Protein backbone atom coordinates (compact mmCIF):
# COMPACT_ATOMS: atom_id res chain seq x y z
CA UNK A 1 100.76 100.83 110.50
CA UNK A 2 94.23 104.97 114.05
CA UNK A 3 88.28 107.08 116.88
CA UNK A 4 85.42 107.97 118.95
CA UNK A 5 81.51 108.27 118.43
CA UNK A 6 78.72 110.40 120.02
CA UNK A 7 77.76 109.54 123.48
CA UNK A 8 74.08 110.25 122.92
CA UNK A 9 74.04 107.17 120.58
CA UNK A 10 75.17 104.55 122.94
CA UNK A 11 72.67 102.52 124.62
CA UNK A 12 72.73 101.96 128.45
CA UNK A 13 75.05 99.50 129.61
CA UNK A 14 73.38 96.14 129.98
CA UNK A 15 70.81 96.89 127.58
CA UNK A 16 70.20 94.30 124.84
CA UNK A 17 69.07 96.98 121.98
CA UNK A 18 70.73 96.59 118.67
CA UNK A 19 70.66 98.70 115.41
CA UNK A 20 68.46 96.62 113.22
CA UNK A 21 70.58 97.29 110.29
CA UNK A 22 73.75 95.31 111.34
CA UNK A 23 74.06 95.23 115.06
CA UNK A 24 77.40 97.00 114.72
CA UNK A 25 77.94 99.26 117.74
CA UNK A 26 78.98 102.26 115.65
CA UNK A 27 75.81 102.11 113.39
CA UNK A 28 73.94 105.47 114.20
CA UNK A 29 70.67 106.54 112.64
CA UNK A 30 72.36 109.69 111.55
CA UNK A 31 75.53 107.65 110.06
CA UNK A 32 77.74 110.03 112.02
CA UNK A 33 81.50 109.12 112.28
CA UNK A 34 83.42 112.36 113.19
CA UNK A 35 82.47 112.87 116.85
CA UNK A 36 83.88 113.95 119.96
CA UNK A 37 84.58 110.12 120.98
CA UNK A 38 86.32 109.43 117.87
CA UNK A 39 88.76 112.27 117.96
CA UNK A 40 89.84 111.62 121.41
CA UNK A 41 91.11 108.03 120.06
CA UNK A 42 92.66 109.81 117.28
CA UNK A 43 94.30 112.35 119.35
CA UNK A 44 95.90 109.72 121.68
CA UNK A 45 96.88 107.80 118.82
CA UNK A 46 98.65 110.80 117.04
CA UNK A 47 100.59 111.70 120.43
CA UNK A 48 101.68 107.94 120.73
CA UNK A 49 102.90 107.41 117.14
CA UNK A 50 104.40 110.79 117.35
CA UNK A 51 106.47 109.26 120.20
CA UNK A 52 107.51 106.22 118.17
CA UNK A 53 108.29 108.34 115.04
CA UNK A 54 110.56 110.29 117.03
CA UNK A 55 112.86 107.47 117.69
CA UNK A 56 112.76 105.99 114.12
CA UNK A 57 115.56 108.05 112.67
CA UNK A 58 117.57 108.45 115.75
CA UNK A 59 117.93 104.96 116.94
CA UNK A 60 119.83 103.48 113.79
CA UNK A 61 122.37 106.79 113.88
CA UNK A 62 122.59 105.88 117.87
CA UNK A 63 123.66 102.25 117.40
CA UNK A 64 125.84 102.90 114.52
CA UNK A 65 127.55 105.99 115.65
CA UNK A 66 127.39 106.07 119.41
CA UNK A 67 127.31 102.28 120.21
CA UNK A 68 129.40 101.35 117.05
CA UNK A 69 126.89 98.65 115.90
CA UNK A 70 127.10 97.21 112.34
CA UNK A 71 124.04 97.35 109.98
CA UNK A 72 122.84 93.97 111.12
CA UNK A 73 122.93 95.05 114.74
CA UNK A 74 121.06 98.31 113.80
CA UNK A 75 118.43 95.94 112.12
CA UNK A 76 118.18 93.79 114.98
CA UNK A 77 117.88 96.63 117.77
CA UNK A 78 115.29 98.38 115.60
CA UNK A 79 113.59 95.03 114.96
CA UNK A 80 113.38 93.92 118.48
CA UNK A 81 110.40 96.35 119.01
CA UNK A 82 108.35 94.24 116.77
CA UNK A 83 109.30 90.94 118.41
CA UNK A 84 107.81 92.19 121.59
CA UNK A 85 104.64 93.33 119.74
CA UNK A 86 104.27 90.05 118.13
CA UNK A 87 104.57 88.18 121.27
CA UNK A 88 101.59 90.11 123.07
CA UNK A 89 99.73 91.16 119.74
CA UNK A 90 97.33 87.84 119.85
CA UNK A 91 96.69 87.93 123.53
CA UNK A 92 95.91 91.58 123.46
CA UNK A 93 93.11 90.78 120.95
CA UNK A 94 91.59 88.32 122.99
CA UNK A 95 92.17 90.65 126.04
CA UNK A 96 90.41 93.67 124.07
CA UNK A 97 87.27 91.30 123.37
CA UNK A 98 86.94 90.29 127.01
CA UNK A 99 88.36 93.14 129.40
CA UNK A 100 87.96 96.08 127.19
CA UNK A 101 89.57 98.26 124.78
CA UNK A 102 90.36 101.26 127.14
CA UNK A 103 92.75 99.18 129.46
CA UNK A 104 94.84 98.28 126.52
CA UNK A 105 95.06 101.97 125.31
CA UNK A 106 96.10 103.35 128.63
CA UNK A 107 98.18 100.55 129.72
CA UNK A 108 99.82 100.03 126.65
CA UNK A 109 100.92 103.61 126.07
CA UNK A 110 102.16 103.93 129.71
CA UNK A 111 104.49 100.86 129.29
CA UNK A 112 105.82 102.18 125.78
CA UNK A 113 106.28 105.69 127.26
CA UNK A 114 108.08 104.41 130.34
CA UNK A 115 110.29 102.05 128.33
CA UNK A 116 111.40 105.01 125.91
CA UNK A 117 112.30 107.12 129.07
CA UNK A 118 114.84 104.42 130.13
CA UNK A 119 116.47 104.63 126.83
CA UNK A 120 118.26 107.93 128.26
CA UNK A 121 119.88 105.55 131.01
CA UNK A 122 120.96 102.85 128.48
CA UNK A 123 124.40 102.83 126.96
CA UNK A 124 124.85 99.33 125.68
CA UNK A 125 123.24 97.38 122.80
CA UNK A 126 121.91 94.33 124.99
CA UNK A 127 119.71 96.51 127.57
CA UNK A 128 118.70 98.72 124.58
CA UNK A 129 117.50 95.57 122.78
CA UNK A 130 115.68 94.41 125.88
CA UNK A 131 113.89 97.92 126.35
CA UNK A 132 112.78 98.00 122.68
CA UNK A 133 111.10 94.64 123.23
CA UNK A 134 109.30 96.15 126.14
CA UNK A 135 108.32 98.99 123.88
CA UNK A 136 106.89 96.71 121.52
CA UNK A 137 104.81 95.08 124.27
CA UNK A 138 103.28 98.51 125.04
CA UNK A 139 102.68 99.06 121.27
CA UNK A 140 100.83 95.90 120.82
CA UNK A 141 98.30 96.61 123.58
CA UNK A 142 97.87 100.26 122.47
CA UNK A 143 97.51 99.47 118.80
CA UNK A 144 94.79 96.85 119.22
CA UNK A 145 92.87 98.69 121.93
CA UNK A 146 92.82 101.80 119.96
CA UNK A 147 92.27 100.58 116.44
CA UNK A 148 89.54 98.38 117.72
CA UNK A 149 87.76 101.12 119.29
CA UNK A 150 87.84 102.91 116.04
CA UNK A 151 86.12 100.13 114.09
CA UNK A 152 83.70 99.73 117.15
CA UNK A 153 82.68 103.54 116.80
CA UNK A 154 82.40 103.64 113.00
CA UNK A 155 79.27 102.89 110.82
CA UNK A 156 79.88 99.54 108.92
CA UNK A 157 79.44 101.36 105.56
CA UNK A 158 82.21 103.83 106.57
CA UNK A 159 84.69 101.59 108.18
CA UNK A 160 87.33 102.18 105.75
CA UNK A 161 86.97 106.12 105.98
CA UNK A 162 87.07 105.84 109.79
CA UNK A 163 90.46 103.73 109.34
CA UNK A 164 91.79 106.31 106.77
CA UNK A 165 91.29 108.92 109.61
CA UNK A 166 92.76 106.60 112.29
CA UNK A 167 95.61 105.84 110.14
CA UNK A 168 96.28 109.68 109.83
CA UNK A 169 97.32 109.41 113.32
CA UNK A 170 99.48 106.08 112.76
CA UNK A 171 101.43 107.17 109.54
CA UNK A 172 101.37 110.85 110.26
CA UNK A 173 102.96 110.36 113.57
CA UNK A 174 105.35 107.97 112.31
CA UNK A 175 106.01 110.32 109.39
CA UNK A 176 106.35 113.64 111.20
CA UNK A 177 107.81 112.46 114.28
CA UNK A 178 111.05 111.52 112.74
CA UNK A 179 111.38 115.18 111.77
CA UNK A 180 110.80 116.04 115.21
CA UNK A 181 113.23 113.70 116.54
CA UNK A 182 116.12 114.79 114.08
CA UNK A 183 115.28 118.47 115.17
CA UNK A 184 115.80 117.53 118.83
CA UNK A 185 118.51 115.58 118.20
CA UNK A 186 120.75 118.21 116.69
CA UNK A 187 124.47 117.54 117.15
CA UNK A 188 124.01 114.47 119.57
CA UNK A 189 121.34 115.14 122.01
CA UNK A 190 120.10 111.61 122.12
CA UNK A 191 118.80 111.68 125.77
CA UNK A 192 116.63 114.52 124.89
CA UNK A 193 115.16 112.53 122.07
CA UNK A 194 114.23 109.58 124.38
CA UNK A 195 112.73 111.68 126.91
CA UNK A 196 110.59 113.76 124.61
CA UNK A 197 109.30 110.48 123.04
CA UNK A 198 108.68 108.79 126.52
CA UNK A 199 106.57 112.04 127.56
CA UNK A 200 104.64 112.11 124.27
CA UNK A 201 103.64 108.31 124.76
CA UNK A 202 102.48 109.31 128.55
CA UNK A 203 100.13 111.91 127.11
CA UNK A 204 98.73 109.36 124.83
CA UNK A 205 98.20 107.02 127.83
CA UNK A 206 96.40 110.05 129.64
CA UNK A 207 94.14 110.63 126.63
CA UNK A 208 93.32 106.95 126.43
CA UNK A 209 92.28 107.02 130.31
CA UNK A 210 89.81 109.76 129.08
CA UNK A 211 87.98 107.33 126.51
CA UNK A 212 84.63 105.58 127.33
CA UNK A 213 85.15 101.78 126.70
CA UNK A 214 83.14 100.44 123.67
CA UNK A 215 83.06 97.12 124.94
CA UNK A 216 80.31 98.35 127.23
CA UNK A 217 78.29 99.09 123.81
CA UNK A 218 78.09 95.43 122.84
CA UNK A 219 75.11 93.36 123.43
CA UNK A 220 75.74 91.52 126.84
CA UNK A 221 75.30 88.23 125.00
CA UNK A 222 78.04 89.19 122.82
CA UNK A 223 80.52 90.03 125.63
CA UNK A 224 79.58 86.33 127.40
CA UNK A 225 80.10 84.70 124.07
CA UNK A 226 83.66 86.10 123.67
CA UNK A 227 84.93 84.58 126.81
CA UNK A 228 86.76 81.12 126.74
CA UNK A 229 87.58 81.21 122.74
CA UNK A 230 90.66 79.10 122.57
CA UNK A 231 91.94 80.57 119.32
CA UNK A 232 94.48 83.64 119.51
CA UNK A 233 94.70 84.09 115.87
CA UNK A 234 91.37 84.91 113.81
CA UNK A 235 91.25 82.85 110.71
CA UNK A 236 89.57 85.62 108.66
CA UNK A 237 92.43 87.73 109.23
CA UNK A 238 95.23 85.49 108.21
CA UNK A 239 95.45 86.00 104.60
CA UNK A 240 95.02 89.87 104.46
CA UNK A 241 97.48 89.98 107.40
CA UNK A 242 100.04 87.79 105.20
CA UNK A 243 99.67 90.44 102.38
CA UNK A 244 100.14 93.30 104.72
CA UNK A 245 103.24 91.72 106.01
CA UNK A 246 104.62 91.55 102.40
CA UNK A 247 103.70 95.10 101.64
CA UNK A 248 105.11 96.68 104.81
CA UNK A 249 108.55 95.12 104.66
CA UNK A 250 109.24 97.94 102.33
CA UNK A 251 108.06 100.60 105.09
CA UNK A 252 110.33 98.79 107.49
CA UNK A 253 113.50 99.25 105.21
CA UNK A 254 112.56 102.78 104.43
CA UNK A 255 112.06 103.86 108.11
CA UNK A 256 115.25 102.00 109.41
CA UNK A 257 117.67 102.64 106.47
CA UNK A 258 116.67 106.05 104.87
CA UNK A 259 118.34 107.99 107.87
CA UNK A 260 121.69 106.36 106.83
CA UNK A 261 121.05 106.35 103.07
CA UNK A 262 120.08 110.09 102.86
CA UNK A 263 123.51 111.06 103.92
CA UNK A 264 125.22 108.70 101.47
CA UNK A 265 123.29 110.68 98.65
CA UNK A 266 124.23 113.97 99.75
CA UNK A 267 121.49 115.03 102.24
CA UNK A 268 122.29 116.37 105.68
CA UNK A 269 119.63 114.18 107.40
CA UNK A 270 116.36 112.55 106.20
CA UNK A 271 114.13 114.83 108.18
CA UNK A 272 112.69 116.52 104.56
CA UNK A 273 112.32 113.14 103.33
CA UNK A 274 110.04 111.99 106.03
CA UNK A 275 108.12 115.28 105.92
CA UNK A 276 107.50 114.73 102.50
CA UNK A 277 106.33 111.16 103.09
CA UNK A 278 104.25 112.33 106.11
CA UNK A 279 102.46 115.28 103.85
CA UNK A 280 101.56 112.93 101.10
CA UNK A 281 100.07 110.40 103.56
CA UNK A 282 97.99 113.00 105.33
CA UNK A 283 96.76 114.49 101.91
CA UNK A 284 95.74 111.10 100.56
CA UNK A 285 94.21 109.94 103.87
CA UNK A 286 92.25 113.16 104.68
CA UNK A 287 91.10 114.14 101.03
CA UNK A 288 90.57 110.44 99.81
CA UNK A 289 89.41 109.37 103.05
CA UNK A 290 86.45 107.65 101.35
CA UNK A 291 88.67 105.88 98.65
CA UNK A 292 88.77 102.60 100.67
CA UNK A 293 85.29 102.34 100.58
CA UNK A 294 84.57 103.31 96.99
CA UNK A 295 87.49 101.37 95.68
CA UNK A 296 86.88 98.30 97.73
CA UNK A 297 89.40 96.35 99.77
CA UNK A 298 90.73 94.13 96.95
CA UNK A 299 91.23 96.82 94.41
CA UNK A 300 92.44 99.32 96.88
CA UNK A 301 94.89 96.95 98.17
CA UNK A 302 96.28 96.10 94.78
CA UNK A 303 96.58 99.82 93.87
CA UNK A 304 98.56 100.21 97.29
CA UNK A 305 101.07 97.56 96.65
CA UNK A 306 101.66 98.22 92.85
CA UNK A 307 102.29 101.91 93.71
CA UNK A 308 104.35 101.11 96.73
CA UNK A 309 106.55 98.74 94.70
CA UNK A 310 107.00 101.28 92.15
CA UNK A 311 108.21 103.89 94.59
CA UNK A 312 110.88 101.38 95.99
CA UNK A 313 112.01 100.68 92.63
CA UNK A 314 112.33 104.27 91.90
CA UNK A 315 114.73 104.60 94.80
CA UNK A 316 116.71 101.45 93.80
CA UNK A 317 117.20 102.46 90.12
CA UNK A 318 117.99 106.22 90.90
CA UNK A 319 120.87 106.53 93.34
CA UNK A 320 120.55 110.13 94.16
CA UNK A 321 118.84 112.82 96.19
CA UNK A 322 116.43 113.60 93.66
CA UNK A 323 115.81 109.83 93.15
CA UNK A 324 114.97 109.25 96.70
CA UNK A 325 112.56 112.25 96.85
CA UNK A 326 110.95 110.90 93.88
CA UNK A 327 110.77 107.31 94.99
CA UNK A 328 109.52 108.45 98.45
CA UNK A 329 106.49 110.43 96.77
CA UNK A 330 105.39 107.33 94.80
CA UNK A 331 105.95 105.09 97.91
CA UNK A 332 104.02 107.31 100.15
CA UNK A 333 100.72 107.29 98.04
CA UNK A 334 100.82 103.55 98.11
CA UNK A 335 101.44 103.36 101.84
CA UNK A 336 98.69 105.85 102.36
CA UNK A 337 96.07 103.16 100.92
CA UNK A 338 97.44 99.97 102.20
CA UNK A 339 96.52 99.59 105.79
CA UNK A 340 92.85 100.87 105.45
CA UNK A 341 92.10 98.54 102.47
CA UNK A 342 93.64 95.41 104.12
CA UNK A 343 92.18 95.96 107.67
CA UNK A 344 89.05 96.39 106.22
CA UNK A 345 89.47 93.27 104.34
CA UNK A 346 90.30 91.45 107.58
CA UNK A 347 87.33 92.85 109.30
CA UNK A 348 84.81 91.99 106.65
CA UNK A 349 81.99 89.66 108.23
CA UNK A 350 83.56 89.67 111.48
CA UNK A 351 81.08 90.13 114.52
CA UNK A 352 81.46 92.84 117.09
CA UNK A 353 82.59 90.14 119.98
CA UNK A 354 85.53 89.10 117.66
CA UNK A 355 86.86 92.22 116.50
CA UNK A 356 89.65 92.93 118.76
CA UNK A 357 90.85 89.35 117.99
CA UNK A 358 90.81 90.00 114.30
CA UNK A 359 92.47 93.44 114.69
CA UNK A 360 95.11 91.63 116.98
CA UNK A 361 95.74 89.01 114.29
CA UNK A 362 96.07 91.49 111.29
CA UNK A 363 98.13 93.94 113.21
CA UNK A 364 100.62 90.99 114.38
CA UNK A 365 101.56 90.67 110.71
CA UNK A 366 102.43 94.52 110.99
CA UNK A 367 104.82 93.74 113.68
CA UNK A 368 106.31 90.84 111.91
CA UNK A 369 106.91 92.94 108.89
CA UNK A 370 108.53 95.70 111.18
CA UNK A 371 110.47 93.11 113.05
CA UNK A 372 111.77 90.76 110.23
CA UNK A 373 112.02 93.77 107.75
CA UNK A 374 114.89 95.60 109.41
CA UNK A 375 116.70 92.20 110.29
CA UNK A 376 116.55 90.77 107.00
CA UNK A 377 116.97 94.05 104.81
CA UNK A 378 120.07 95.09 107.27
CA UNK A 379 121.59 91.67 106.21
CA UNK A 380 120.88 92.62 102.47
CA UNK A 381 122.60 96.10 103.08
CA UNK A 382 125.44 94.33 104.84
CA UNK A 383 125.99 92.01 101.80
CA UNK A 384 125.08 94.23 99.16
CA UNK A 385 123.88 97.90 98.97
CA UNK A 386 121.11 100.24 100.23
CA UNK A 387 119.88 100.02 96.40
CA UNK A 388 119.67 96.33 96.40
CA UNK A 389 117.66 96.59 99.59
CA UNK A 390 115.17 98.78 97.84
CA UNK A 391 114.74 96.54 95.13
CA UNK A 392 114.33 93.36 97.46
CA UNK A 393 111.61 95.56 99.20
CA UNK A 394 109.78 96.02 96.03
CA UNK A 395 109.91 92.40 95.20
CA UNK A 396 108.09 91.66 98.54
CA UNK A 397 105.40 94.03 97.49
CA UNK A 398 105.00 92.33 94.40
CA UNK A 399 104.51 89.08 96.11
CA UNK A 400 102.04 90.48 98.38
CA UNK A 401 99.96 91.78 95.27
CA UNK A 402 100.17 88.11 93.78
CA UNK A 403 98.75 86.93 97.18
CA UNK A 404 96.07 89.34 97.39
CA UNK A 405 94.76 88.89 93.55
CA UNK A 406 94.65 85.10 94.20
CA UNK A 407 91.24 83.49 94.45
CA UNK A 408 90.16 84.02 98.35
CA UNK A 409 87.05 82.37 99.53
CA UNK A 410 85.95 84.54 102.42
CA UNK A 411 83.03 83.69 104.67
CA UNK A 412 80.05 85.97 104.37
CA UNK A 413 78.73 87.72 107.47
CA UNK A 414 76.40 84.86 108.15
CA UNK A 415 79.14 82.53 108.18
CA UNK A 416 81.78 84.47 110.45
CA UNK A 417 80.56 82.84 113.47
CA UNK A 418 78.06 80.21 114.68
CA UNK A 419 74.61 81.39 115.26
CA UNK A 420 74.03 82.60 118.69
CA UNK A 421 71.60 80.38 120.56
CA UNK A 422 68.39 81.84 121.99
CA UNK A 423 68.42 83.54 125.05
CA UNK A 424 68.23 80.90 128.05
CA UNK A 425 69.52 78.12 125.87
CA UNK A 426 73.18 76.58 126.25
CA UNK A 427 75.20 76.18 123.26
CA UNK A 428 76.50 72.52 122.88
């Protein structure tokens, strides 16, 4: 499941100057994080994920009610987005380390926005699935570029805080966007939703064009070292990514099927459920922005997974509007901590020149959860019920907790990559 630092602190392009403490491009003597460059990236992310959020509650209803699709077809159509993202995400990580973060931000948002505008011209399931794949390709590029830029611009000791603020854009957009989408939809204005979402994504692309690429802040030797690396998946991000996959399957089910389940328990639509979810996400992420750094990655991730599972269990055990609201409140607290904790864990010890690749790897698992989740949980709904689906989602979170709490030998910063040879020598 999103940051820009002060311009004055950026060394001139081509300079080999590095901050002595850690060499991290965001490390400033004053430790500042919330600067103008940071907020441009967050604003771009907010517009972008608001666009994605608008589509979330409307697409399942559109596929089921307008196109006549089954629960399984709903899951496939929603999950096709993640399929496209998974295809590009590792490549986007490598591209971000070599060509820069800015091109991923602007280009990805433009592709996603254009594809959503085309939803308005599509009235059949197969073309819609194809466009969802294209939206996912754009999302992969944007997310890797923007989230890597956020971590580039954060002091190392405040990285969890930076990711908390960035994730306000991600989860805030995904939470409040559905309420906006439901309001625009009204009695069936599907085309208005697609056009509004597409335009919001294009605003994100324009903001992305206004950023300064943090790749230029790296030591020139770091940029050279990044060229030609064969691995598309970063080893250090695989375990945290797998935990994120298990923990976020519940979010996929929540986002895809709550719009339909809400009507079954007597609500007119799901907008207020999503507003509650979004409000709690914002409260925890803003008021508790330092929690990921204070708790630590493993403890924060454990708390997130346990709380998320508890919220899903409440939804499964209490089949009513009150049960859905209560479960959503608990679930939101868990989801507010999950992304910052596990992303910080994935980036631990990763040098600047490999950060986009690590971010691309861990976020690939995010996409897998949002692709596999709707498909698998749609099958559960079709074979059983929404309540069973919530219970299965809770079980996945518990599995993630077990994987996270297992003994993991992570390399220290000194082992994250081979030492750079002295200037003028050639590495064997």
